[in-house]
Amino acid sequence: MLSSIPAAAAEPGKTPSIPSTNTLATKARQELEVMMDKLKLSDVQKTQVRPVFEDALVRSNALLQSALKNLSGNKSSEQKAAALEQSKQELKSIKEDTDTRLAQILTPEQMAQMKKLRNERGSELKKEYPVKKPS
């Protein structure tokens, strides 16, 4: 997801070096299928989980687009830092809402495993798209 806003987004005049939202969405959906297999979800759980993740994906993609817009252009470093902080808080809210909804579907063991898988993926994303503080 949006845990890493690309460094280029924070630099004036530079085009963010991230894949398109369609590419990100396709990859996220593929990763969801892998995660559902790893969590050994029942068919009923899979049916219940998909809309929760789809909603989080749509909201995260909208946030990413907004964040990239707010971090580009002729803005002061203070404005960029504030925009980045706001985006982080909004992402946290999306994640918390998603977790609350998933906790009603998954077993405690599945929730723990899902969080572990998500953290591992987050670490991978941070390596792929390192965050650079706005200057």
Protein backbone atom coordinates (compact mmCIF):
# COMPACT_ATOMS: atom_id res chain seq x y z
CA MET A 1 0.00 0.00 0.00
CA LEU A 2 1.01 3.55 0.67
CA SER A 3 3.47 2.86 3.46
CA SER A 4 6.16 4.33 1.24
CA ILE A 5 5.68 7.49 -0.74
CA PRO A 6 8.42 7.54 -3.37
CA ALA A 7 11.29 9.94 -2.89
CA ALA A 8 10.73 11.59 -6.27
CA ALA A 9 7.27 12.68 -5.13
CA ALA A 10 8.85 14.93 -2.54
CA GLU A 11 11.19 16.64 -4.97
CA PRO A 12 9.90 19.63 -6.93
CA GLY A 13 9.83 19.12 -10.65
CA LYS A 14 10.34 15.36 -10.46
CA THR A 15 7.78 12.84 -11.61
CA PRO A 16 7.04 10.19 -8.97
CA SER A 17 8.68 6.91 -9.90
CA ILE A 18 5.91 4.54 -8.95
CA PRO A 19 3.80 2.21 -11.03
CA SER A 20 0.37 3.35 -12.19
CA THR A 21 -2.58 2.85 -9.88
CA ASN A 22 -3.87 0.15 -12.21
CA THR A 23 -0.58 -1.73 -11.91
CA LEU A 24 -0.55 -1.29 -8.14
CA ALA A 25 -4.17 -2.44 -7.87
CA THR A 26 -3.53 -5.52 -10.01
CA LYS A 27 -0.49 -6.43 -7.93
CA ALA A 28 -2.41 -5.87 -4.68
CA ARG A 29 -5.20 -8.16 -5.87
CA GLN A 30 -2.67 -10.85 -6.79
CA GLU A 31 -1.03 -10.51 -3.37
CA LEU A 32 -4.45 -10.80 -1.74
CA GLU A 33 -5.02 -14.15 -3.44
CA VAL A 34 -1.63 -15.39 -2.19
CA MET A 35 -2.35 -14.12 1.32
CA MET A 36 -5.77 -15.80 1.38
CA ASP A 37 -4.11 -19.10 0.47
CA LYS A 38 -1.44 -18.66 3.15
CA LEU A 39 -4.11 -17.88 5.75
CA LYS A 40 -6.06 -20.99 4.68
CA LEU A 41 -9.32 -19.08 4.50
CA SER A 42 -12.55 -20.95 4.01
CA ASP A 43 -14.62 -20.17 0.91
CA VAL A 44 -17.01 -18.17 3.09
CA GLN A 45 -14.14 -16.16 4.59
CA LYS A 46 -12.72 -15.48 1.12
CA THR A 47 -16.09 -14.11 0.03
CA GLN A 48 -16.25 -11.90 3.13
CA VAL A 49 -12.63 -10.71 3.01
CA ARG A 50 -12.49 -9.64 -0.63
CA PRO A 51 -14.80 -6.60 -0.28
CA VAL A 52 -12.93 -5.45 2.82
CA PHE A 53 -9.61 -5.49 0.98
CA GLU A 54 -11.15 -4.01 -2.16
CA ASP A 55 -12.46 -1.09 -0.12
CA ALA A 56 -9.06 -0.59 1.51
CA LEU A 57 -7.39 -0.75 -1.91
CA VAL A 58 -9.71 1.87 -3.41
CA ARG A 59 -9.27 4.17 -0.41
CA SER A 60 -5.49 3.69 -0.37
CA ASN A 61 -5.16 4.36 -4.09
CA ALA A 62 -7.18 7.57 -3.75
CA LEU A 63 -4.95 8.58 -0.86
CA LEU A 64 -1.82 7.80 -2.88
CA GLN A 65 -2.98 9.97 -5.75
CA SER A 66 -3.84 12.79 -3.37
CA ALA A 67 -0.52 12.46 -1.54
CA LEU A 68 1.48 12.55 -4.76
CA LYS A 69 -0.41 15.64 -5.88
CA ASN A 70 0.18 17.34 -2.52
CA LEU A 71 3.87 16.47 -2.50
CA SER A 72 4.65 17.70 -5.99
CA GLY A 73 4.87 21.18 -7.34
CA ASN A 74 5.99 24.43 -5.81
CA LYS A 75 5.20 23.88 -2.16
CA SER A 76 7.31 24.76 0.83
CA SER A 77 9.02 22.01 2.77
CA GLU A 78 6.64 22.71 5.66
CA GLN A 79 3.61 22.23 3.40
CA LYS A 80 5.07 19.00 2.03
CA ALA A 81 5.87 17.71 5.52
CA ALA A 82 2.33 18.52 6.67
CA ALA A 83 0.84 16.82 3.61
CA LEU A 84 2.99 13.76 4.16
CA GLU A 85 2.02 13.57 7.84
CA GLN A 86 -1.66 13.92 6.98
CA SER A 87 -1.34 11.11 4.41
CA LYS A 88 0.35 8.88 6.97
CA GLN A 89 -2.47 9.51 9.45
CA GLU A 90 -5.12 8.79 6.83
CA LEU A 91 -3.35 5.58 5.86
CA LYS A 92 -3.22 4.56 9.50
CA SER A 93 -6.95 5.15 9.74
CA ILE A 94 -7.61 2.99 6.67
CA LYS A 95 -5.43 0.23 8.12
CA GLU A 96 -7.18 0.36 11.51
CA ASP A 97 -10.62 0.30 9.90
CA THR A 98 -9.60 -2.65 7.73
CA ASP A 99 -8.23 -4.53 10.73
CA THR A 100 -11.43 -3.93 12.69
CA ARG A 101 -13.50 -5.30 9.84
CA LEU A 102 -11.18 -8.28 9.28
CA ALA A 103 -11.20 -9.16 12.98
CA GLN A 104 -14.91 -9.91 12.58
CA ILE A 105 -14.13 -12.43 9.81
CA LEU A 106 -10.77 -14.02 10.62
CA THR A 107 -9.81 -16.18 13.56
CA PRO A 108 -7.31 -14.65 16.02
CA GLU A 109 -4.61 -16.93 14.54
CA GLN A 110 -5.44 -15.80 11.01
CA MET A 111 -5.37 -12.14 12.10
CA ALA A 112 -1.94 -12.59 13.65
CA GLN A 113 -0.64 -14.32 10.52
CA MET A 114 -2.18 -11.65 8.27
CA LYS A 115 -0.48 -8.88 10.25
CA LYS A 116 2.83 -10.74 10.02
CA LEU A 117 2.46 -11.13 6.25
CA ARG A 118 1.47 -7.48 5.88
CA ASN A 119 4.49 -6.32 7.91
CA GLU A 120 6.79 -8.45 5.78
CA ARG A 121 5.29 -6.96 2.62
CA GLY A 122 5.59 -3.47 4.08
CA SER A 123 9.30 -4.02 4.64
CA GLU A 124 9.66 -5.13 1.02
CA LEU A 125 7.82 -2.04 -0.21
CA LYS A 126 10.01 0.26 1.85
CA LYS A 127 13.04 -1.23 0.10
CA GLU A 128 11.42 -0.86 -3.32
CA TYR A 129 10.19 2.69 -2.70
CA PRO A 130 12.36 4.38 -0.06
CA VAL A 131 10.81 7.39 1.62
CA LYS A 132 12.64 10.67 1.40
CA LYS A 133 11.59 13.45 3.71
CA PRO A 134 10.34 16.53 1.86
CA SER A 135 12.97 19.22 1.52
